Amino acid sequence: MIRFRKIFSIGPFRTSLSKTGVGFSWGFPVLRFGVSPNGRKYVSMGIPGTGLYMIKYLNSNTNSKSNYQNTQIKKQTTSQPKNIEPWWKQKNLMD
């Protein structure tokens, strides 16, 4: 897979252009804070000159809201009665 990325830096600020969009970050090589092209906020820590780094994406309100909705759906589906007869008994196909 071939990827394209162009980075513009002015002091501690960095703008990156890629196929997926434009990302922004600020900080220093050891610690950076930023927003990816798809809008996810992150913190990046690295060891300068080695190419080793770690990215931690931060939770956003939209992720928390969807997790809450998924929890509510699970509660609704598990609260149904446990003694539901199989479909073939409901249709009187077999006794």
PDB file of N, CA and C in Angstrom:
ATOM      1  N   MET A   1       0.845  -1.166   0.000  1.00  0.00           N
ATOM      2  CA  MET A   1       0.000   0.000   0.000  1.00  0.00           C
ATOM      3  C   MET A   1       0.897   1.237   0.000  1.00  0.00           C
ATOM      4  N   ILE A   2       0.590   2.194  -0.829  1.00  0.00           N
ATOM      5  CA  ILE A   2       1.345   3.433  -0.894  1.00  0.00           C
ATOM      6  C   ILE A   2       0.533   4.516  -0.206  1.00  0.00           C
ATOM      7  N   ARG A   3       1.201   5.250   0.676  1.00  0.00           N
ATOM      8  CA  ARG A   3       0.537   6.341   1.386  1.00  0.00           C
ATOM      9  C   ARG A   3       1.233   7.646   1.058  1.00  0.00           C
ATOM     10  N   PHE A   4       0.487   8.718   1.076  1.00  0.00           N
ATOM     11  CA  PHE A   4       1.026  10.036   0.823  1.00  0.00           C
ATOM     12  C   PHE A   4       0.748  10.916   2.020  1.00  0.00           C
ATOM     13  N   ARG A   5       1.769  11.700   2.429  1.00  0.00           N
ATOM     14  CA  ARG A   5       1.584  12.647   3.523  1.00  0.00           C
ATOM     15  C   ARG A   5       2.593  13.773   3.345  1.00  0.00           C
ATOM     16  N   LYS A   6       2.144  14.993   3.478  1.00  0.00           N
ATOM     17  CA  LYS A   6       3.017  16.159   3.416  1.00  0.00           C
ATOM     18  C   LYS A   6       2.819  16.945   4.705  1.00  0.00           C
ATOM     19  N   ILE A   7       3.926  17.254   5.378  1.00  0.00           N
ATOM     20  CA  ILE A   7       3.858  17.931   6.670  1.00  0.00           C
ATOM     21  C   ILE A   7       4.492  19.310   6.559  1.00  0.00           C
ATOM     22  N   PHE A   8       3.787  20.315   7.093  1.00  0.00           N
ATOM     23  CA  PHE A   8       4.289  21.683   7.174  1.00  0.00           C
ATOM     24  C   PHE A   8       4.437  22.032   8.643  1.00  0.00           C
ATOM     25  N   SER A   9       5.627  22.503   9.041  1.00  0.00           N
ATOM     26  CA  SER A   9       5.878  22.844  10.443  1.00  0.00           C
ATOM     27  C   SER A   9       6.295  24.293  10.570  1.00  0.00           C
ATOM     28  N   ILE A  10       5.729  24.958  11.573  1.00  0.00           N
ATOM     29  CA  ILE A  10       6.132  26.312  11.944  1.00  0.00           C
ATOM     30  C   ILE A  10       6.243  26.319  13.465  1.00  0.00           C
ATOM     31  N   GLY A  11       7.453  26.245  13.966  1.00  0.00           N
ATOM     32  CA  GLY A  11       7.672  26.176  15.409  1.00  0.00           C
ATOM     33  C   GLY A  11       7.040  24.915  15.970  1.00  0.00           C
ATOM     34  N   PRO A  12       6.277  25.043  17.056  1.00  0.00           N
ATOM     35  CA  PRO A  12       5.656  23.854  17.652  1.00  0.00           C
ATOM     36  C   PRO A  12       4.375  23.401  16.937  1.00  0.00           C
ATOM     37  N   PHE A  13       3.931  24.130  15.896  1.00  0.00           N
ATOM     38  CA  PHE A  13       2.691  23.802  15.194  1.00  0.00           C
ATOM     39  C   PHE A  13       2.996  23.000  13.934  1.00  0.00           C
ATOM     40  N   ARG A  14       2.148  22.018  13.654  1.00  0.00           N
ATOM     41  CA  ARG A  14       2.340  21.150  12.500  1.00  0.00           C
ATOM     42  C   ARG A  14       0.999  20.934  11.811  1.00  0.00           C
ATOM     43  N   THR A  15       1.018  21.015  10.495  1.00  0.00           N
ATOM     44  CA  THR A  15      -0.158  20.718   9.673  1.00  0.00           C
ATOM     45  C   THR A  15       0.236  19.598   8.731  1.00  0.00           C
ATOM     46  N   SER A  16      -0.594  18.565   8.666  1.00  0.00           N
ATOM     47  CA  SER A  16      -0.288  17.455   7.764  1.00  0.00           C
ATOM     48  C   SER A  16      -1.407  17.281   6.751  1.00  0.00           C
ATOM     49  N   LEU A  17      -1.013  17.129   5.495  1.00  0.00           N
ATOM     50  CA  LEU A  17      -1.956  16.885   4.412  1.00  0.00           C
ATOM     51  C   LEU A  17      -1.800  15.438   3.968  1.00  0.00           C
ATOM     52  N   SER A  18      -2.911  14.736   3.874  1.00  0.00           N
ATOM     53  CA  SER A  18      -2.876  13.356   3.421  1.00  0.00           C
ATOM     54  C   SER A  18      -4.090  13.085   2.550  1.00  0.00           C
ATOM     55  N   LYS A  19      -4.192  11.875   2.078  1.00  0.00           N
ATOM     56  CA  LYS A  19      -5.330  11.481   1.248  1.00  0.00           C
ATOM     57  C   LYS A  19      -6.648  11.599   2.018  1.00  0.00           C
ATOM     58  N   THR A  20      -6.602  11.371   3.325  1.00  0.00           N
ATOM     59  CA  THR A  20      -7.827  11.397   4.126  1.00  0.00           C
ATOM     60  C   THR A  20      -8.225  12.786   4.603  1.00  0.00           C
ATOM     61  N   GLY A  21      -7.327  13.797   4.475  1.00  0.00           N
ATOM     62  CA  GLY A  21      -7.691  15.140   4.879  1.00  0.00           C
ATOM     63  C   GLY A  21      -6.534  15.904   5.486  1.00  0.00           C
ATOM     64  N   VAL A  22      -6.877  16.889   6.320  1.00  0.00           N
ATOM     65  CA  VAL A  22      -5.898  17.772   6.950  1.00  0.00           C
ATOM     66  C   VAL A  22      -5.927  17.535   8.455  1.00  0.00           C
ATOM     67  N   GLY A  23      -4.740  17.354   9.036  1.00  0.00           N
ATOM     68  CA  GLY A  23      -4.627  17.185  10.475  1.00  0.00           C
ATOM     69  C   GLY A  23      -3.774  18.288  11.071  1.00  0.00           C
ATOM     70  N   PHE A  24      -4.021  18.601  12.338  1.00  0.00           N
ATOM     71  CA  PHE A  24      -3.283  19.654  13.024  1.00  0.00           C
ATOM     72  C   PHE A  24      -2.737  19.114  14.328  1.00  0.00           C
ATOM     73  N   SER A  25      -1.544  19.591  14.708  1.00  0.00           N
ATOM     74  CA  SER A  25      -1.002  19.229  16.015  1.00  0.00           C
ATOM     75  C   SER A  25      -0.067  20.334  16.491  1.00  0.00           C
ATOM     76  N   TRP A  26       0.190  20.307  17.801  1.00  0.00           N
ATOM     77  CA  TRP A  26       1.146  21.250  18.375  1.00  0.00           C
ATOM     78  C   TRP A  26       1.883  20.554  19.500  1.00  0.00           C
ATOM     79  N   GLY A  27       3.093  20.987  19.723  1.00  0.00           N
ATOM     80  CA  GLY A  27       3.904  20.394  20.767  1.00  0.00           C
ATOM     81  C   GLY A  27       5.330  20.238  20.305  1.00  0.00           C
ATOM     82  N   PHE A  28       6.053  19.345  20.928  1.00  0.00           N
ATOM     83  CA  PHE A  28       7.450  19.103  20.642  1.00  0.00           C
ATOM     84  C   PHE A  28       7.624  17.630  20.304  1.00  0.00           C
ATOM     85  N   PRO A  29       8.795  17.237  19.771  1.00  0.00           N
ATOM     86  CA  PRO A  29       8.959  15.840  19.341  1.00  0.00           C
ATOM     87  C   PRO A  29       8.650  14.805  20.424  1.00  0.00           C
ATOM     88  N   VAL A  30       8.857  15.144  21.682  1.00  0.00           N
ATOM     89  CA  VAL A  30       8.599  14.188  22.763  1.00  0.00           C
ATOM     90  C   VAL A  30       7.106  14.061  23.056  1.00  0.00           C
ATOM     91  N   LEU A  31       6.374  15.170  23.018  1.00  0.00           N
ATOM     92  CA  LEU A  31       4.952  15.177  23.373  1.00  0.00           C
ATOM     93  C   LEU A  31       4.203  16.113  22.438  1.00  0.00           C
ATOM     94  N   ARG A  32       3.165  15.585  21.774  1.00  0.00           N
ATOM     95  CA  ARG A  32       2.349  16.389  20.860  1.00  0.00           C
ATOM     96  C   ARG A  32       0.868  16.150  21.149  1.00  0.00           C
ATOM     97  N   PHE A  33       0.077  17.173  20.936  1.00  0.00           N
ATOM     98  CA  PHE A  33      -1.376  17.105  21.024  1.00  0.00           C
ATOM     99  C   PHE A  33      -1.917  17.452  19.650  1.00  0.00           C
ATOM    100  N   GLY A  34      -2.951  16.750  19.196  1.00  0.00           N
ATOM    101  CA  GLY A  34      -3.430  17.042  17.857  1.00  0.00           C
ATOM    102  C   GLY A  34      -4.822  16.549  17.556  1.00  0.00           C
ATOM    103  N   VAL A  35      -5.243  16.859  16.331  1.00  0.00           N
ATOM    104  CA  VAL A  35      -6.530  16.420  15.796  1.00  0.00           C
ATOM    105  C   VAL A  35      -6.240  15.768  14.458  1.00  0.00           C
ATOM    106  N   SER A  36      -6.645  14.517  14.289  1.00  0.00           N
ATOM    107  CA  SER A  36      -6.396  13.777  13.056  1.00  0.00           C
ATOM    108  C   SER A  36      -7.321  14.272  11.942  1.00  0.00           C
ATOM    109  N   PRO A  37      -7.055  13.896  10.694  1.00  0.00           N
ATOM    110  CA  PRO A  37      -7.909  14.338   9.587  1.00  0.00           C
ATOM    111  C   PRO A  37      -9.385  13.950   9.744  1.00  0.00           C
ATOM    112  N   ASN A  38      -9.663  12.859  10.450  1.00  0.00           N
ATOM    113  CA  ASN A  38     -11.071  12.476  10.642  1.00  0.00           C
ATOM    114  C   ASN A  38     -11.679  13.069  11.911  1.00  0.00           C
ATOM    115  N   GLY A  39     -10.956  13.982  12.590  1.00  0.00           N
ATOM    116  CA  GLY A  39     -11.524  14.707  13.725  1.00  0.00           C
ATOM    117  C   GLY A  39     -11.249  14.114  15.093  1.00  0.00           C
ATOM    118  N   ARG A  40     -10.496  13.027  15.159  1.00  0.00           N
ATOM    119  CA  ARG A  40     -10.206  12.398  16.460  1.00  0.00           C
ATOM    120  C   ARG A  40      -9.063  13.135  17.152  1.00  0.00           C
ATOM    121  N   LYS A  41      -9.241  13.437  18.439  1.00  0.00           N
ATOM    122  CA  LYS A  41      -8.200  14.103  19.217  1.00  0.00           C
ATOM    123  C   LYS A  41      -7.237  13.058  19.765  1.00  0.00           C
ATOM    124  N   TYR A  42      -5.944  13.430  19.840  1.00  0.00           N
ATOM    125  CA  TYR A  42      -4.955  12.462  20.296  1.00  0.00           C
ATOM    126  C   TYR A  42      -3.799  13.138  21.024  1.00  0.00           C
ATOM    127  N   VAL A  43      -3.056  12.324  21.765  1.00  0.00           N
ATOM    128  CA  VAL A  43      -1.800  12.709  22.397  1.00  0.00           C
ATOM    129  C   VAL A  43      -0.758  11.737  21.862  1.00  0.00           C
ATOM    130  N   SER A  44       0.390  12.268  21.460  1.00  0.00           N
ATOM    131  CA  SER A  44       1.457  11.436  20.906  1.00  0.00           C
ATOM    132  C   SER A  44       2.725  11.651  21.715  1.00  0.00           C
ATOM    133  N   MET A  45       3.381  10.548  22.080  1.00  0.00           N
ATOM    134  CA  MET A  45       4.656  10.616  22.784  1.00  0.00           C
ATOM    135  C   MET A  45       5.665   9.796  22.004  1.00  0.00           C
ATOM    136  N   GLY A  46       6.886  10.326  21.880  1.00  0.00           N
ATOM    137  CA  GLY A  46       7.886   9.615  21.099  1.00  0.00           C
ATOM    138  C   GLY A  46       9.295   9.859  21.583  1.00  0.00           C
ATOM    139  N   ILE A  47      10.206   9.064  21.038  1.00  0.00           N
ATOM    140  CA  ILE A  47      11.632   9.214  21.310  1.00  0.00           C
ATOM    141  C   ILE A  47      12.255   9.822  20.057  1.00  0.00           C
ATOM    142  N   PRO A  48      12.710  11.078  20.142  1.00  0.00           N
ATOM    143  CA  PRO A  48      13.229  11.760  18.956  1.00  0.00           C
ATOM    144  C   PRO A  48      14.398  11.007  18.309  1.00  0.00           C
ATOM    145  N   GLY A  49      14.379  10.969  16.982  1.00  0.00           N
ATOM    146  CA  GLY A  49      15.452  10.374  16.219  1.00  0.00           C
ATOM    147  C   GLY A  49      15.376   8.866  16.053  1.00  0.00           C
ATOM    148  N   THR A  50      14.408   8.219  16.722  1.00  0.00           N
ATOM    149  CA  THR A  50      14.306   6.763  16.633  1.00  0.00           C
ATOM    150  C   THR A  50      13.156   6.297  15.753  1.00  0.00           C
ATOM    151  N   GLY A  51      12.163   7.148  15.581  1.00  0.00           N
ATOM    152  CA  GLY A  51      10.961   6.739  14.853  1.00  0.00           C
ATOM    153  C   GLY A  51       9.969   5.995  15.733  1.00  0.00           C
ATOM    154  N   LEU A  52      10.292   5.810  17.017  1.00  0.00           N
ATOM    155  CA  LEU A  52       9.387   5.135  17.953  1.00  0.00           C
ATOM    156  C   LEU A  52       8.463   6.154  18.590  1.00  0.00           C
ATOM    157  N   TYR A  53       7.182   5.887  18.521  1.00  0.00           N
ATOM    158  CA  TYR A  53       6.218   6.771  19.147  1.00  0.00           C
ATOM    159  C   TYR A  53       4.950   6.002  19.485  1.00  0.00           C
ATOM    160  N   MET A  54       4.131   6.613  20.324  1.00  0.00           N
ATOM    161  CA  MET A  54       2.874   6.006  20.757  1.00  0.00           C
ATOM    162  C   MET A  54       1.782   7.062  20.621  1.00  0.00           C
ATOM    163  N   ILE A  55       0.627   6.661  20.138  1.00  0.00           N
ATOM    164  CA  ILE A  55      -0.502   7.578  20.012  1.00  0.00           C
ATOM    165  C   ILE A  55      -1.637   7.075  20.879  1.00  0.00           C
ATOM    166  N   LYS A  56      -2.202   7.961  21.673  1.00  0.00           N
ATOM    167  CA  LYS A  56      -3.375   7.647  22.496  1.00  0.00           C
ATOM    168  C   LYS A  56      -4.508   8.549  22.032  1.00  0.00           C
ATOM    169  N   TYR A  57      -5.550   7.947  21.452  1.00  0.00           N
ATOM    170  CA  TYR A  57      -6.706   8.725  21.023  1.00  0.00           C
ATOM    171  C   TYR A  57      -7.592   8.998  22.219  1.00  0.00           C
ATOM    172  N   LEU A  58      -8.068  10.226  22.320  1.00  0.00           N
ATOM    173  CA  LEU A  58      -8.895  10.641  23.444  1.00  0.00           C
ATOM    174  C   LEU A  58     -10.361  10.423  23.115  1.00  0.00           C
ATOM    175  N   ASN A  59     -11.159  10.130  24.129  1.00  0.00           N
ATOM    176  CA  ASN A  59     -12.596   9.925  23.920  1.00  0.00           C
ATOM    177  C   ASN A  59     -13.253  11.256  23.595  1.00  0.00           C
ATOM    178  N   SER A  60     -14.269  11.197  22.778  1.00  0.00           N
ATOM    179  CA  SER A  60     -15.044  12.396  22.461  1.00  0.00           C
ATOM    180  C   SER A  60     -16.467  12.178  22.933  1.00  0.00           C
ATOM    181  N   ASN A  61     -17.255  13.236  22.928  1.00  0.00           N
ATOM    182  CA  ASN A  61     -18.649  13.141  23.383  1.00  0.00           C
ATOM    183  C   ASN A  61     -19.459  12.203  22.502  1.00  0.00           C
ATOM    184  N   THR A  62     -19.166  12.140  21.202  1.00  0.00           N
ATOM    185  CA  THR A  62     -19.938  11.275  20.308  1.00  0.00           C
ATOM    186  C   THR A  62     -19.694   9.810  20.653  1.00  0.00           C
ATOM    187  N   ASN A  63     -18.449   9.442  21.017  1.00  0.00           N
ATOM    188  CA  ASN A  63     -18.171   8.061  21.386  1.00  0.00           C
ATOM    189  C   ASN A  63     -18.882   7.704  22.682  1.00  0.00           C
ATOM    190  N   SER A  64     -18.883   8.625  23.656  1.00  0.00           N
ATOM    191  CA  SER A  64     -19.548   8.362  24.932  1.00  0.00           C
ATOM    192  C   SER A  64     -21.043   8.193  24.720  1.00  0.00           C
ATOM    193  N   LYS A  65     -21.615   9.014  23.860  1.00  0.00           N
ATOM    194  CA  LYS A  65     -23.050   8.935  23.597  1.00  0.00           C
ATOM    195  C   LYS A  65     -23.407   7.607  22.945  1.00  0.00           C
ATOM    196  N   SER A  66     -22.614   7.156  21.972  1.00  0.00           N
ATOM    197  CA  SER A  66     -22.927   5.891  21.310  1.00  0.00           C
ATOM    198  C   SER A  66     -22.741   4.720  22.272  1.00  0.00           C
ATOM    199  N   ASN A  67     -21.745   4.785  23.172  1.00  0.00           N
ATOM    200  CA  ASN A  67     -21.583   3.725  24.165  1.00  0.00           C
ATOM    201  C   ASN A  67     -22.784   3.686  25.092  1.00  0.00           C
ATOM    202  N   TYR A  68     -23.314   4.846  25.470  1.00  0.00           N
ATOM    203  CA  TYR A  68     -24.497   4.904  26.324  1.00  0.00           C
ATOM    204  C   TYR A  68     -25.695   4.292  25.606  1.00  0.00           C
ATOM    205  N   GLN A  69     -25.871   4.629  24.316  1.00  0.00           N
ATOM    206  CA  GLN A  69     -26.984   4.076  23.553  1.00  0.00           C
ATOM    207  C   GLN A  69     -26.856   2.572  23.411  1.00  0.00           C
ATOM    208  N   ASN A  70     -25.649   2.057  23.168  1.00  0.00           N
ATOM    209  CA  ASN A  70     -25.452   0.614  23.065  1.00  0.00           C
ATOM    210  C   ASN A  70     -25.795  -0.080  24.370  1.00  0.00           C
ATOM    211  N   THR A  71     -25.452   0.535  25.503  1.00  0.00           N
ATOM    212  CA  THR A  71     -25.777  -0.031  26.814  1.00  0.00           C
ATOM    213  C   THR A  71     -27.285  -0.090  26.994  1.00  0.00           C
ATOM    214  N   GLN A  72     -27.995   0.964  26.589  1.00  0.00           N
ATOM    215  CA  GLN A  72     -29.444   0.997  26.717  1.00  0.00           C
ATOM    216  C   GLN A  72     -30.093  -0.078  25.851  1.00  0.00           C
ATOM    217  N   ILE A  73     -29.586  -0.295  24.651  1.00  0.00           N
ATOM    218  CA  ILE A  73     -30.137  -1.326  23.762  1.00  0.00           C
ATOM    219  C   ILE A  73     -29.923  -2.703  24.382  1.00  0.00           C
ATOM    220  N   LYS A  74     -28.757  -2.951  24.951  1.00  0.00           N
ATOM    221  CA  LYS A  74     -28.491  -4.238  25.587  1.00  0.00           C
ATOM    222  C   LYS A  74     -29.427  -4.464  26.758  1.00  0.00           C
ATOM    223  N   LYS A  75     -29.700  -3.408  27.540  1.00  0.00           N
ATOM    224  CA  LYS A  75     -30.619  -3.541  28.677  1.00  0.00           C
ATOM    225  C   LYS A  75     -32.024  -3.891  28.197  1.00  0.00           C
ATOM    226  N   GLN A  76     -32.459  -3.260  27.099  1.00  0.00           N
ATOM    227  CA  GLN A  76     -33.793  -3.535  26.573  1.00  0.00           C
ATOM    228  C   GLN A  76     -33.915  -4.961  26.072  1.00  0.00           C
ATOM    229  N   THR A  77     -32.895  -5.466  25.404  1.00  0.00           N
ATOM    230  CA  THR A  77     -32.982  -6.813  24.849  1.00  0.00           C
ATOM    231  C   THR A  77     -32.858  -7.877  25.924  1.00  0.00           C
ATOM    232  N   THR A  78     -32.159  -7.599  27.008  1.00  0.00           N
ATOM    233  CA  THR A  78     -32.017  -8.600  28.063  1.00  0.00           C
ATOM    234  C   THR A  78     -33.182  -8.580  29.036  1.00  0.00           C
ATOM    235  N   SER A  79     -34.030  -7.546  28.976  1.00  0.00           N
ATOM    236  CA  SER A  79     -35.143  -7.479  29.914  1.00  0.00           C
ATOM    237  C   SER A  79     -36.391  -8.218  29.404  1.00  0.00           C
ATOM    238  N   GLN A  80     -36.310  -8.878  28.261  1.00  0.00           N
ATOM    239  CA  GLN A  80     -37.447  -9.631  27.735  1.00  0.00           C
ATOM    240  C   GLN A  80     -37.648 -10.898  28.569  1.00  0.00           C
ATOM    241  N   PRO A  81     -38.892 -11.416  28.611  1.00  0.00           N
ATOM    242  CA  PRO A  81     -39.159 -12.629  29.388  1.00  0.00           C
ATOM    243  C   PRO A  81     -38.307 -13.803  28.916  1.00  0.00           C
ATOM    244  N   LYS A  82     -37.898 -14.631  29.857  1.00  0.00           N
ATOM    245  CA  LYS A  82     -37.021 -15.758  29.543  1.00  0.00           C
ATOM    246  C   LYS A  82     -37.809 -16.973  29.024  1.00  0.00           C
ATOM    247  N   ASN A  83     -39.106 -17.065  29.273  1.00  0.00           N
ATOM    248  CA  ASN A  83     -39.898 -18.247  28.928  1.00  0.00           C
ATOM    249  C   ASN A  83     -40.634 -18.079  27.604  1.00  0.00           C
ATOM    250  N   ILE A  84     -39.951 -17.694  26.582  1.00  0.00           N
ATOM    251  CA  ILE A  84     -40.564 -17.577  25.259  1.00  0.00           C
ATOM    252  C   ILE A  84     -40.462 -18.935  24.585  1.00  0.00           C
ATOM    253  N   GLU A  85     -41.570 -19.392  24.042  1.00  0.00           N
ATOM    254  CA  GLU A  85     -41.591 -20.687  23.388  1.00  0.00           C
ATOM    255  C   GLU A  85     -40.906 -20.605  22.032  1.00  0.00           C
ATOM    256  N   PRO A  86     -40.329 -21.703  21.548  1.00  0.00           N
ATOM    257  CA  PRO A  86     -39.741 -21.718  20.211  1.00  0.00           C
ATOM    258  C   PRO A  86     -40.798 -21.438  19.147  1.00  0.00           C
ATOM    259  N   TRP A  87     -40.351 -20.965  17.987  1.00  0.00           N
ATOM    260  CA  TRP A  87     -41.283 -20.561  16.946  1.00  0.00           C
ATOM    261  C   TRP A  87     -42.162 -21.698  16.464  1.00  0.00           C
ATOM    262  N   TRP A  88     -41.629 -22.935  16.441  1.00  0.00           N
ATOM    263  CA  TRP A  88     -42.448 -24.049  15.932  1.00  0.00           C
ATOM    264  C   TRP A  88     -43.575 -24.400  16.896  1.00  0.00           C
ATOM    265  N   LYS A  89     -43.376 -24.150  18.197  1.00  0.00           N
ATOM    266  CA  LYS A  89     -44.478 -24.371  19.141  1.00  0.00           C
ATOM    267  C   LYS A  89     -45.502 -23.256  19.056  1.00  0.00           C
ATOM    268  N   GLN A  90     -45.037 -22.034  18.783  1.00  0.00           N
ATOM    269  CA  GLN A  90     -45.969 -20.919  18.633  1.00  0.00           C
ATOM    270  C   GLN A  90     -46.864 -21.113  17.412  1.00  0.00           C
ATOM    271  N   LYS A  91     -46.394 -21.779  16.384  1.00  0.00           N
ATOM    272  CA  LYS A  91     -47.168 -22.008  15.160  1.00  0.00           C
ATOM    273  C   LYS A  91     -47.910 -23.344  15.225  1.00  0.00           C
ATOM    274  N   ASN A  92     -47.807 -24.054  16.336  1.00  0.00           N
ATOM    275  CA  ASN A  92     -48.442 -25.355  16.525  1.00  0.00           C
ATOM    276  C   ASN A  92     -47.975 -26.376  15.488  1.00  0.00           C
ATOM    277  N   LEU A  93     -46.695 -26.348  15.128  1.00  0.00           N
ATOM    278  CA  LEU A  93     -46.178 -27.291  14.159  1.00  0.00           C
ATOM    279  C   LEU A  93     -45.788 -28.608  14.832  1.00  0.00           C
ATOM    280  N   MET A  94     -45.246 -28.541  16.040  1.00  0.00           N
ATOM    281  CA  MET A  94     -44.854 -29.738  16.766  1.00  0.00           C
ATOM    282  C   MET A  94     -45.215 -29.570  18.232  1.00  0.00           C
ATOM    283  N   ASP A  95     -45.533 -30.679  18.869  1.00  0.00           N
ATOM    284  CA  ASP A  95     -45.834 -30.633  20.307  1.00  0.00           C
ATOM    285  C   ASP A  95     -44.738 -31.286  21.099  1.00  0.00           C
TER     286      ASP A  95
END
